[in-house]
Amino acid sequence: MNESESKATQITPLFSNKVLGRVERMRINPICRNTSRHRGEQLAGRGGSNTEFSDYRDYAPGDDTRFIDWNIFSRLRRPYLKIFRLEEEMNIVVIIDGSSSMMFDGKLELAKSLAAAFGVMALFAGQKLSAYLVREGAKGPAERMPPCHGRAHMKNFLRFVESTEGGGNLPLEKGVDQVLKYHKGKGVVILLSDFLTFGNIKRAFNSLFSMGLEIYSLQILSQAEMNPELTGDLRLVDSETDVTLDITAAGDILSIYHEHKDRHMEELLKLSQQRSGRFMTLSSDLSVETVLFDILLKRGWIK
């Protein structure tokens, strides 16, 4: 196959077909199994399910083996999971921070690739998926893909994520407020952001938690933000507010910066854990394969 043919068959530019094939078999692994009382495939954390058969889906590692149809397995040598009508529904909400500060050093690109991966996992698990881009733009502060479920919606979901663009200085908590005007139902929220905001992050976390959403907060920072190198006299410009800061003693500023950065990360971790959620900081120069298969999988965020 030549290069042009290979590109023509690529399902999404966000990651390779090989990565997509593996992601389709993976599942989000929440700490708490927050579910809504609607028809769905997710077994409720409190146990119990209706015995009215509905459909089959592919087995994924970590699924309850009690629901494997062993008669089909004996014929096809492949495990399929039985789905029942009144199993409770888990909502997966993907929020991408599209503010201007995310538009540097591949931060938004990694956020989009991870958003796509989490969404594909949800669709192939039969969970209810919705996705939002929060920013100040022509379409309003929150561009969204309405709730959907089932692998038939994968193409539309991937197109939505691929088309998202950053810009503006909308504080993250205001973006979350916009999202919660549309959202209903318990489950997991995937929050992809650099969290570089003067807004009230605690209020945003409280709002999400009060909706019954377990918070997966992934902070994406560039290497320049994680380990800046400053020499000489500099003028720093805030990408969202255009506020400038002149620096003459770079060494002292770096020390203060690292102190503030570490304290900010500790606060984000604390806010997440106090609400039974998860938090992690990622470098934007990591590949989506490394993040998914070498970090999130090993730490139990996905399975």
C-alpha atoms as a PDB file:
ATOM      1  CA  MET A   1       0.000   0.000   0.000  1.00  0.00           C
ATOM      2  CA  ASN A   2       1.450   3.387  -0.957  1.00  0.00           C
ATOM      3  CA  GLU A   3       1.380   6.466   1.277  1.00  0.00           C
ATOM      4  CA  SER A   4      -1.671   8.074  -0.359  1.00  0.00           C
ATOM      5  CA  GLU A   5      -3.691   4.847  -0.065  1.00  0.00           C
ATOM      6  CA  SER A   6      -2.686   4.541   3.586  1.00  0.00           C
ATOM      7  CA  LYS A   7      -3.889   8.079   4.344  1.00  0.00           C
ATOM      8  CA  ALA A   8      -7.127   7.467   2.448  1.00  0.00           C
ATOM      9  CA  THR A   9      -8.005   4.545   4.725  1.00  0.00           C
ATOM     10  CA  GLN A  10      -7.109   6.317   7.971  1.00  0.00           C
ATOM     11  CA  ILE A  11     -10.314   6.579  10.010  1.00  0.00           C
ATOM     12  CA  THR A  12      -9.235   9.619  12.039  1.00  0.00           C
ATOM     13  CA  PRO A  13      -6.143  11.855  12.040  1.00  0.00           C
ATOM     14  CA  LEU A  14      -6.218  11.859  15.846  1.00  0.00           C
ATOM     15  CA  PHE A  15      -4.508   8.454  16.061  1.00  0.00           C
ATOM     16  CA  SER A  16      -3.714   5.430  13.934  1.00  0.00           C
ATOM     17  CA  ASN A  17      -6.167   2.675  13.052  1.00  0.00           C
ATOM     18  CA  LYS A  18      -4.051   0.301  15.145  1.00  0.00           C
ATOM     19  CA  VAL A  19      -4.535   2.490  18.209  1.00  0.00           C
ATOM     20  CA  LEU A  20      -8.251   2.830  17.401  1.00  0.00           C
ATOM     21  CA  GLY A  21      -8.653  -0.942  17.205  1.00  0.00           C
ATOM     22  CA  ARG A  22      -7.123  -1.350  20.638  1.00  0.00           C
ATOM     23  CA  VAL A  23      -9.128   1.523  22.137  1.00  0.00           C
ATOM     24  CA  GLU A  24     -12.380  -0.064  20.932  1.00  0.00           C
ATOM     25  CA  ARG A  25     -11.683  -3.027  23.226  1.00  0.00           C
ATOM     26  CA  MET A  26     -10.828  -0.901  26.271  1.00  0.00           C
ATOM     27  CA  ARG A  27     -13.155   0.494  28.914  1.00  0.00           C
ATOM     28  CA  ILE A  28     -13.213   3.435  31.318  1.00  0.00           C
ATOM     29  CA  ASN A  29     -12.660   2.133  34.854  1.00  0.00           C
ATOM     30  CA  PRO A  30     -14.394   4.442  37.387  1.00  0.00           C
ATOM     31  CA  ILE A  31     -13.718   4.296  41.113  1.00  0.00           C
ATOM     32  CA  CYS A  32     -17.418   4.793  41.873  1.00  0.00           C
ATOM     33  CA  ARG A  33     -20.037   3.303  39.590  1.00  0.00           C
ATOM     34  CA  ASN A  34     -22.391   6.288  39.397  1.00  0.00           C
ATOM     35  CA  THR A  35     -25.317   5.398  37.158  1.00  0.00           C
ATOM     36  CA  SER A  36     -28.712   6.800  36.201  1.00  0.00           C
ATOM     37  CA  ARG A  37     -31.932   4.835  36.236  1.00  0.00           C
ATOM     38  CA  HIS A  38     -32.349   4.482  32.497  1.00  0.00           C
ATOM     39  CA  ARG A  39     -31.907   1.639  30.064  1.00  0.00           C
ATOM     40  CA  GLY A  40     -28.220   0.971  29.453  1.00  0.00           C
ATOM     41  CA  GLU A  41     -25.421  -1.579  29.516  1.00  0.00           C
ATOM     42  CA  GLN A  42     -23.568  -0.482  32.645  1.00  0.00           C
ATOM     43  CA  LEU A  43     -24.033  -2.698  35.698  1.00  0.00           C
ATOM     44  CA  ALA A  44     -24.971  -0.518  38.667  1.00  0.00           C
ATOM     45  CA  GLY A  45     -22.543  -0.326  41.565  1.00  0.00           C
ATOM     46  CA  ARG A  46     -25.267  -1.248  44.048  1.00  0.00           C
ATOM     47  CA  GLY A  47     -25.826  -4.562  42.269  1.00  0.00           C
ATOM     48  CA  GLY A  48     -28.804  -6.232  40.710  1.00  0.00           C
ATOM     49  CA  SER A  49     -30.071  -6.278  37.142  1.00  0.00           C
ATOM     50  CA  ASN A  50     -33.194  -7.209  35.244  1.00  0.00           C
ATOM     51  CA  THR A  51     -33.219 -10.623  33.546  1.00  0.00           C
ATOM     52  CA  GLU A  52     -34.964  -9.417  30.362  1.00  0.00           C
ATOM     53  CA  PHE A  53     -32.459 -10.080  27.581  1.00  0.00           C
ATOM     54  CA  SER A  54     -31.800  -7.234  25.123  1.00  0.00           C
ATOM     55  CA  ASP A  55     -28.690  -7.759  22.983  1.00  0.00           C
ATOM     56  CA  TYR A  56     -25.064  -8.899  22.806  1.00  0.00           C
ATOM     57  CA  ARG A  57     -21.803  -6.979  22.669  1.00  0.00           C
ATOM     58  CA  ASP A  58     -18.141  -7.962  22.462  1.00  0.00           C
ATOM     59  CA  TYR A  59     -16.502  -8.960  25.719  1.00  0.00           C
ATOM     60  CA  ALA A  60     -13.759  -6.612  26.970  1.00  0.00           C
ATOM     61  CA  PRO A  61     -11.162  -7.434  29.648  1.00  0.00           C
ATOM     62  CA  GLY A  62     -12.597  -6.581  33.061  1.00  0.00           C
ATOM     63  CA  ASP A  63     -16.244  -7.272  32.121  1.00  0.00           C
ATOM     64  CA  ASP A  64     -18.241  -9.503  34.470  1.00  0.00           C
ATOM     65  CA  THR A  65     -17.767 -13.084  33.210  1.00  0.00           C
ATOM     66  CA  ARG A  66     -21.154 -14.071  34.662  1.00  0.00           C
ATOM     67  CA  PHE A  67     -22.779 -12.410  31.661  1.00  0.00           C
ATOM     68  CA  ILE A  68     -20.791 -14.211  28.958  1.00  0.00           C
ATOM     69  CA  ASP A  69     -22.961 -16.397  26.711  1.00  0.00           C
ATOM     70  CA  TRP A  70     -21.036 -19.677  26.893  1.00  0.00           C
ATOM     71  CA  ASN A  71     -23.178 -21.347  24.218  1.00  0.00           C
ATOM     72  CA  ILE A  72     -22.037 -18.766  21.658  1.00  0.00           C
ATOM     73  CA  PHE A  73     -18.473 -19.057  22.946  1.00  0.00           C
ATOM     74  CA  SER A  74     -18.485 -22.830  22.393  1.00  0.00           C
ATOM     75  CA  ARG A  75     -19.560 -22.341  18.756  1.00  0.00           C
ATOM     76  CA  LEU A  76     -17.556 -19.244  17.725  1.00  0.00           C
ATOM     77  CA  ARG A  77     -14.669 -19.422  20.223  1.00  0.00           C
ATOM     78  CA  ARG A  78     -15.200 -15.706  20.919  1.00  0.00           C
ATOM     79  CA  PRO A  79     -16.752 -14.305  24.132  1.00  0.00           C
ATOM     80  CA  TYR A  80     -19.892 -12.177  23.857  1.00  0.00           C
ATOM     81  CA  LEU A  81     -21.586 -10.424  26.746  1.00  0.00           C
ATOM     82  CA  LYS A  82     -25.338 -10.548  27.273  1.00  0.00           C
ATOM     83  CA  ILE A  83     -27.049  -7.178  27.772  1.00  0.00           C
ATOM     84  CA  PHE A  84     -30.228  -6.762  29.792  1.00  0.00           C
ATOM     85  CA  ARG A  85     -32.828  -4.055  29.296  1.00  0.00           C
ATOM     86  CA  LEU A  86     -32.914  -2.483  32.725  1.00  0.00           C
ATOM     87  CA  GLU A  87     -29.258  -2.422  33.563  1.00  0.00           C
ATOM     88  CA  GLU A  88     -28.474   1.114  34.586  1.00  0.00           C
ATOM     89  CA  GLU A  89     -26.940   3.702  32.330  1.00  0.00           C
ATOM     90  CA  MET A  90     -23.577   5.373  32.922  1.00  0.00           C
ATOM     91  CA  ASN A  91     -23.029   8.792  31.344  1.00  0.00           C
ATOM     92  CA  ILE A  92     -19.591   9.681  29.996  1.00  0.00           C
ATOM     93  CA  VAL A  93     -19.115  13.444  29.618  1.00  0.00           C
ATOM     94  CA  VAL A  94     -16.016  14.680  27.768  1.00  0.00           C
ATOM     95  CA  ILE A  95     -15.068  18.347  28.284  1.00  0.00           C
ATOM     96  CA  ILE A  96     -12.243  19.878  26.238  1.00  0.00           C
ATOM     97  CA  ASP A  97     -10.828  23.216  27.386  1.00  0.00           C
ATOM     98  CA  GLY A  98     -10.469  25.257  24.211  1.00  0.00           C
ATOM     99  CA  SER A  99      -9.112  28.464  25.755  1.00  0.00           C
ATOM    100  CA  SER A 100      -6.178  30.256  24.145  1.00  0.00           C
ATOM    101  CA  SER A 101      -3.630  28.864  26.593  1.00  0.00           C
ATOM    102  CA  MET A 102      -4.374  25.361  25.238  1.00  0.00           C
ATOM    103  CA  MET A 103      -3.236  26.365  21.740  1.00  0.00           C
ATOM    104  CA  PHE A 104       0.497  26.051  22.414  1.00  0.00           C
ATOM    105  CA  ASP A 105       2.988  23.201  22.052  1.00  0.00           C
ATOM    106  CA  GLY A 106       0.443  20.536  21.124  1.00  0.00           C
ATOM    107  CA  LYS A 107      -1.704  20.771  24.263  1.00  0.00           C
ATOM    108  CA  LEU A 108      -5.031  21.011  22.432  1.00  0.00           C
ATOM    109  CA  GLU A 109      -3.964  18.278  19.976  1.00  0.00           C
ATOM    110  CA  LEU A 110      -3.255  15.818  22.812  1.00  0.00           C
ATOM    111  CA  ALA A 111      -6.506  16.813  24.544  1.00  0.00           C
ATOM    112  CA  LYS A 112      -8.454  16.097  21.351  1.00  0.00           C
ATOM    113  CA  SER A 113      -6.777  12.711  20.846  1.00  0.00           C
ATOM    114  CA  LEU A 114      -7.517  11.679  24.442  1.00  0.00           C
ATOM    115  CA  ALA A 115     -11.090  12.954  24.170  1.00  0.00           C
ATOM    116  CA  ALA A 116     -11.552  10.822  21.059  1.00  0.00           C
ATOM    117  CA  ALA A 117     -10.124   7.741  22.787  1.00  0.00           C
ATOM    118  CA  PHE A 118     -12.349   8.085  25.873  1.00  0.00           C
ATOM    119  CA  GLY A 119     -15.379   8.677  23.661  1.00  0.00           C
ATOM    120  CA  VAL A 120     -14.736   5.580  21.551  1.00  0.00           C
ATOM    121  CA  MET A 121     -14.413   3.494  24.731  1.00  0.00           C
ATOM    122  CA  ALA A 122     -17.772   4.807  25.921  1.00  0.00           C
ATOM    123  CA  LEU A 123     -19.548   4.192  22.604  1.00  0.00           C
ATOM    124  CA  PHE A 124     -18.235   0.640  22.298  1.00  0.00           C
ATOM    125  CA  ALA A 125     -19.281  -0.058  25.894  1.00  0.00           C
ATOM    126  CA  GLY A 126     -22.821   1.108  25.117  1.00  0.00           C
ATOM    127  CA  GLN A 127     -22.527   4.022  27.547  1.00  0.00           C
ATOM    128  CA  LYS A 128     -24.226   7.382  26.997  1.00  0.00           C
ATOM    129  CA  LEU A 129     -21.659   9.825  25.609  1.00  0.00           C
ATOM    130  CA  SER A 130     -21.760  13.608  25.295  1.00  0.00           C
ATOM    131  CA  ALA A 131     -18.886  15.940  24.401  1.00  0.00           C
ATOM    132  CA  TYR A 132     -18.246  19.654  24.840  1.00  0.00           C
ATOM    133  CA  LEU A 133     -15.664  22.214  23.767  1.00  0.00           C
ATOM    134  CA  VAL A 134     -15.621  25.181  26.162  1.00  0.00           C
ATOM    135  CA  ARG A 135     -14.251  28.452  24.781  1.00  0.00           C
ATOM    136  CA  GLU A 136     -15.370  31.862  23.607  1.00  0.00           C
ATOM    137  CA  GLY A 137     -16.370  31.432  19.996  1.00  0.00           C
ATOM    138  CA  ALA A 138     -18.946  32.149  17.327  1.00  0.00           C
ATOM    139  CA  LYS A 139     -21.070  29.196  18.419  1.00  0.00           C
ATOM    140  CA  GLY A 140     -21.208  30.308  22.045  1.00  0.00           C
ATOM    141  CA  PRO A 141     -19.206  29.354  25.139  1.00  0.00           C
ATOM    142  CA  ALA A 142     -19.880  25.618  24.863  1.00  0.00           C
ATOM    143  CA  GLU A 143     -19.968  23.771  21.550  1.00  0.00           C
ATOM    144  CA  ARG A 144     -21.429  20.335  22.064  1.00  0.00           C
ATOM    145  CA  MET A 145     -22.259  16.956  20.668  1.00  0.00           C
ATOM    146  CA  PRO A 146     -25.613  15.871  22.158  1.00  0.00           C
ATOM    147  CA  PRO A 147     -25.831  12.583  24.100  1.00  0.00           C
ATOM    148  CA  CYS A 148     -25.588   9.425  22.017  1.00  0.00           C
ATOM    149  CA  HIS A 149     -24.763   5.763  22.534  1.00  0.00           C
ATOM    150  CA  GLY A 150     -23.635   2.892  20.352  1.00  0.00           C
ATOM    151  CA  ARG A 151     -20.738   2.417  17.969  1.00  0.00           C
ATOM    152  CA  ALA A 152     -22.813   3.710  15.044  1.00  0.00           C
ATOM    153  CA  HIS A 153     -22.188   7.229  16.377  1.00  0.00           C
ATOM    154  CA  MET A 154     -18.396   6.913  16.349  1.00  0.00           C
ATOM    155  CA  LYS A 155     -17.905   8.648  13.007  1.00  0.00           C
ATOM    156  CA  ASN A 156     -19.952  11.719  14.012  1.00  0.00           C
ATOM    157  CA  PHE A 157     -18.225  11.882  17.377  1.00  0.00           C
ATOM    158  CA  LEU A 158     -14.753  11.746  15.830  1.00  0.00           C
ATOM    159  CA  ARG A 159     -15.694  14.459  13.311  1.00  0.00           C
ATOM    160  CA  PHE A 160     -16.884  16.670  16.175  1.00  0.00           C
ATOM    161  CA  VAL A 161     -13.612  16.274  18.076  1.00  0.00           C
ATOM    162  CA  GLU A 162     -11.486  16.732  14.945  1.00  0.00           C
ATOM    163  CA  SER A 163     -13.247  20.007  14.086  1.00  0.00           C
ATOM    164  CA  THR A 164     -12.816  21.646  17.501  1.00  0.00           C
ATOM    165  CA  GLU A 165     -10.677  24.796  17.571  1.00  0.00           C
ATOM    166  CA  GLY A 166      -9.326  26.858  20.446  1.00  0.00           C
ATOM    167  CA  GLY A 167      -9.466  30.553  21.236  1.00  0.00           C
ATOM    168  CA  GLY A 168     -10.681  33.084  23.793  1.00  0.00           C
ATOM    169  CA  ASN A 169     -10.246  33.535  27.524  1.00  0.00           C
ATOM    170  CA  LEU A 170     -13.383  31.903  28.966  1.00  0.00           C
ATOM    171  CA  PRO A 171     -12.662  30.789  32.566  1.00  0.00           C
ATOM    172  CA  LEU A 172     -12.981  27.050  32.932  1.00  0.00           C
ATOM    173  CA  GLU A 173     -15.629  27.172  35.658  1.00  0.00           C
ATOM    174  CA  LYS A 174     -17.884  29.292  33.404  1.00  0.00           C
ATOM    175  CA  GLY A 175     -17.470  26.707  30.675  1.00  0.00           C
ATOM    176  CA  VAL A 176     -18.455  23.982  33.146  1.00  0.00           C
ATOM    177  CA  ASP A 177     -21.530  26.025  34.109  1.00  0.00           C
ATOM    178  CA  GLN A 178     -22.536  26.083  30.429  1.00  0.00           C
ATOM    179  CA  VAL A 179     -22.050  22.319  30.113  1.00  0.00           C
ATOM    180  CA  LEU A 180     -24.231  21.614  33.151  1.00  0.00           C
ATOM    181  CA  LYS A 181     -27.089  23.606  31.622  1.00  0.00           C
ATOM    182  CA  TYR A 182     -27.369  20.771  29.094  1.00  0.00           C
ATOM    183  CA  HIS A 183     -26.229  17.714  31.016  1.00  0.00           C
ATOM    184  CA  LYS A 184     -28.377  15.307  33.044  1.00  0.00           C
ATOM    185  CA  GLY A 185     -27.398  11.990  34.554  1.00  0.00           C
ATOM    186  CA  LYS A 186     -24.688  10.419  36.697  1.00  0.00           C
ATOM    187  CA  GLY A 187     -21.433   8.901  35.514  1.00  0.00           C
ATOM    188  CA  VAL A 188     -17.898  10.074  34.711  1.00  0.00           C
ATOM    189  CA  VAL A 189     -16.688  13.453  33.425  1.00  0.00           C
ATOM    190  CA  ILE A 190     -13.382  13.612  31.538  1.00  0.00           C
ATOM    191  CA  LEU A 191     -11.955  17.115  32.045  1.00  0.00           C
ATOM    192  CA  LEU A 192      -9.069  17.890  29.651  1.00  0.00           C
ATOM    193  CA  SER A 193      -7.417  21.215  30.426  1.00  0.00           C
ATOM    194  CA  ASP A 194      -4.185  22.927  31.400  1.00  0.00           C
ATOM    195  CA  PHE A 195      -6.095  24.447  34.368  1.00  0.00           C
ATOM    196  CA  LEU A 196      -4.219  27.709  33.797  1.00  0.00           C
ATOM    197  CA  THR A 197      -7.055  29.973  34.810  1.00  0.00           C
ATOM    198  CA  PHE A 198      -7.791  32.699  37.338  1.00  0.00           C
ATOM    199  CA  GLY A 199     -11.271  31.234  37.730  1.00  0.00           C
ATOM    200  CA  ASN A 200     -12.663  29.269  40.660  1.00  0.00           C
ATOM    201  CA  ILE A 201     -11.653  25.656  39.920  1.00  0.00           C
ATOM    202  CA  LYS A 202     -13.102  24.463  43.234  1.00  0.00           C
ATOM    203  CA  ARG A 203     -16.557  25.712  42.253  1.00  0.00           C
ATOM    204  CA  ALA A 204     -16.317  23.879  38.931  1.00  0.00           C
ATOM    205  CA  PHE A 205     -15.356  20.629  40.678  1.00  0.00           C
ATOM    206  CA  ASN A 206     -18.161  21.067  43.219  1.00  0.00           C
ATOM    207  CA  SER A 207     -20.701  21.600  40.433  1.00  0.00           C
ATOM    208  CA  LEU A 208     -19.603  18.461  38.570  1.00  0.00           C
ATOM    209  CA  PHE A 209     -19.496  16.371  41.739  1.00  0.00           C
ATOM    210  CA  SER A 210     -22.955  17.527  42.855  1.00  0.00           C
ATOM    211  CA  MET A 211     -24.321  16.250  39.528  1.00  0.00           C
ATOM    212  CA  GLY A 212     -23.131  12.746  40.433  1.00  0.00           C
ATOM    213  CA  LEU A 213     -20.150  12.845  38.078  1.00  0.00           C
ATOM    214  CA  GLU A 214     -16.847  11.206  38.985  1.00  0.00           C
ATOM    215  CA  ILE A 215     -14.109  13.597  37.895  1.00  0.00           C
ATOM    216  CA  TYR A 216     -11.247  12.419  35.682  1.00  0.00           C
ATOM    217  CA  SER A 217      -9.114  15.580  35.546  1.00  0.00           C
ATOM    218  CA  LEU A 218      -6.183  15.481  33.145  1.00  0.00           C
ATOM    219  CA  GLN A 219      -3.895  18.508  33.243  1.00  0.00           C
ATOM    220  CA  ILE A 220      -1.949  18.925  30.003  1.00  0.00           C
ATOM    221  CA  LEU A 221       1.098  21.182  30.176  1.00  0.00           C
ATOM    222  CA  SER A 222       3.875  21.882  27.717  1.00  0.00           C
ATOM    223  CA  GLN A 223       7.499  21.197  28.600  1.00  0.00           C
ATOM    224  CA  ALA A 224       8.054  24.966  28.627  1.00  0.00           C
ATOM    225  CA  GLU A 225       5.366  25.243  31.319  1.00  0.00           C
ATOM    226  CA  MET A 226       6.614  22.285  33.336  1.00  0.00           C
ATOM    227  CA  ASN A 227      10.308  23.221  33.193  1.00  0.00           C
ATOM    228  CA  PRO A 228      10.743  26.748  31.792  1.00  0.00           C
ATOM    229  CA  GLU A 229      14.175  28.044  30.919  1.00  0.00           C
ATOM    230  CA  LEU A 230      14.554  31.788  31.357  1.00  0.00           C
ATOM    231  CA  THR A 231      17.686  33.864  30.819  1.00  0.00           C
ATOM    232  CA  GLY A 232      18.264  37.603  30.593  1.00  0.00           C
ATOM    233  CA  ASP A 233      15.576  40.273  30.594  1.00  0.00           C
ATOM    234  CA  LEU A 234      12.193  39.054  29.357  1.00  0.00           C
ATOM    235  CA  ARG A 235       8.654  40.241  28.803  1.00  0.00           C
ATOM    236  CA  LEU A 236       5.970  37.597  29.347  1.00  0.00           C
ATOM    237  CA  VAL A 237       2.526  38.043  27.777  1.00  0.00           C
ATOM    238  CA  ASP A 238      -0.579  36.196  29.019  1.00  0.00           C
ATOM    239  CA  SER A 239      -2.114  34.506  25.968  1.00  0.00           C
ATOM    240  CA  GLU A 240      -5.673  34.996  27.238  1.00  0.00           C
ATOM    241  CA  THR A 241      -5.622  38.410  28.950  1.00  0.00           C
ATOM    242  CA  ASP A 242      -2.684  40.091  27.116  1.00  0.00           C
ATOM    243  CA  VAL A 243      -1.336  41.201  30.514  1.00  0.00           C
ATOM    244  CA  THR A 244       2.462  41.664  30.367  1.00  0.00           C
ATOM    245  CA  LEU A 245       5.127  40.982  32.982  1.00  0.00           C
ATOM    246  CA  ASP A 246       8.696  42.260  32.685  1.00  0.00           C
ATOM    247  CA  ILE A 247      11.368  40.037  34.242  1.00  0.00           C
ATOM    248  CA  THR A 248      14.924  40.999  35.159  1.00  0.00           C
ATOM    249  CA  ALA A 249      15.840  38.367  37.791  1.00  0.00           C
ATOM    250  CA  ALA A 250      14.909  35.150  35.989  1.00  0.00           C
ATOM    251  CA  GLY A 251      16.373  32.827  38.630  1.00  0.00           C
ATOM    252  CA  ASP A 252      14.211  34.216  41.427  1.00  0.00           C
ATOM    253  CA  ILE A 253      11.126  34.184  39.210  1.00  0.00           C
ATOM    254  CA  LEU A 254      11.712  30.531  38.276  1.00  0.00           C
ATOM    255  CA  SER A 255      11.869  29.520  41.913  1.00  0.00           C
ATOM    256  CA  ILE A 256       8.599  31.298  42.657  1.00  0.00           C
ATOM    257  CA  TYR A 257       7.041  29.818  39.507  1.00  0.00           C
ATOM    258  CA  HIS A 258       7.885  26.214  40.448  1.00  0.00           C
ATOM    259  CA  GLU A 259       6.581  26.799  43.973  1.00  0.00           C
ATOM    260  CA  HIS A 260       3.277  28.081  42.615  1.00  0.00           C
ATOM    261  CA  LYS A 261       3.040  25.333  39.963  1.00  0.00           C
ATOM    262  CA  ASP A 262       3.619  22.538  42.475  1.00  0.00           C
ATOM    263  CA  ARG A 263       1.110  24.046  44.903  1.00  0.00           C
ATOM    264  CA  HIS A 264      -1.448  24.356  42.086  1.00  0.00           C
ATOM    265  CA  MET A 265      -0.993  20.684  41.121  1.00  0.00           C
ATOM    266  CA  GLU A 266      -1.345  19.606  44.753  1.00  0.00           C
ATOM    267  CA  GLU A 267      -4.569  21.586  45.036  1.00  0.00           C
ATOM    268  CA  LEU A 268      -5.986  20.003  41.856  1.00  0.00           C
ATOM    269  CA  LEU A 269      -5.084  16.541  43.156  1.00  0.00           C
ATOM    270  CA  LYS A 270      -6.719  17.306  46.502  1.00  0.00           C
ATOM    271  CA  LEU A 271      -9.876  18.675  44.869  1.00  0.00           C
ATOM    272  CA  SER A 272     -10.171  15.528  42.742  1.00  0.00           C
ATOM    273  CA  GLN A 273      -9.478  13.006  45.497  1.00  0.00           C
ATOM    274  CA  GLN A 274     -11.821  14.689  47.981  1.00  0.00           C
ATOM    275  CA  ARG A 275     -14.585  14.124  45.431  1.00  0.00           C
ATOM    276  CA  SER A 276     -13.651  10.461  44.791  1.00  0.00           C
ATOM    277  CA  GLY A 277     -12.061  11.411  41.479  1.00  0.00           C
ATOM    278  CA  ARG A 278      -8.679  11.184  39.781  1.00  0.00           C
ATOM    279  CA  PHE A 279      -6.052  13.712  38.735  1.00  0.00           C
ATOM    280  CA  MET A 280      -2.926  13.515  36.611  1.00  0.00           C
ATOM    281  CA  THR A 281      -0.524  15.965  34.950  1.00  0.00           C
ATOM    282  CA  LEU A 282       0.707  15.089  31.456  1.00  0.00           C
ATOM    283  CA  SER A 283       3.327  16.617  29.204  1.00  0.00           C
ATOM    284  CA  SER A 284       1.985  17.670  25.815  1.00  0.00           C
ATOM    285  CA  ASP A 285       4.952  16.076  24.057  1.00  0.00           C
ATOM    286  CA  LEU A 286       3.764  12.590  25.049  1.00  0.00           C
ATOM    287  CA  SER A 287       2.106  10.504  22.345  1.00  0.00           C
ATOM    288  CA  VAL A 288      -1.492   9.433  22.819  1.00  0.00           C
ATOM    289  CA  GLU A 289      -0.299   5.800  22.715  1.00  0.00           C
ATOM    290  CA  THR A 290       2.056   6.403  25.640  1.00  0.00           C
ATOM    291  CA  VAL A 291      -0.626   8.153  27.681  1.00  0.00           C
ATOM    292  CA  LEU A 292      -3.247   5.461  27.057  1.00  0.00           C
ATOM    293  CA  PHE A 293      -1.258   2.249  27.164  1.00  0.00           C
ATOM    294  CA  ASP A 294       1.732   3.094  29.358  1.00  0.00           C
ATOM    295  CA  ILE A 295       0.180   5.511  31.858  1.00  0.00           C
ATOM    296  CA  LEU A 296      -3.628   5.423  32.158  1.00  0.00           C
ATOM    297  CA  LEU A 297      -3.920   1.657  31.666  1.00  0.00           C
ATOM    298  CA  LYS A 298      -1.202   0.876  34.213  1.00  0.00           C
ATOM    299  CA  ARG A 299      -2.700   3.265  36.761  1.00  0.00           C
ATOM    300  CA  GLY A 300      -6.167   1.764  36.425  1.00  0.00           C
ATOM    301  CA  TRP A 301      -7.952   4.718  34.842  1.00  0.00           C
ATOM    302  CA  ILE A 302      -8.924   2.427  31.959  1.00  0.00           C
ATOM    303  CA  LYS A 303      -8.928  -1.323  31.553  1.00  0.00           C
END
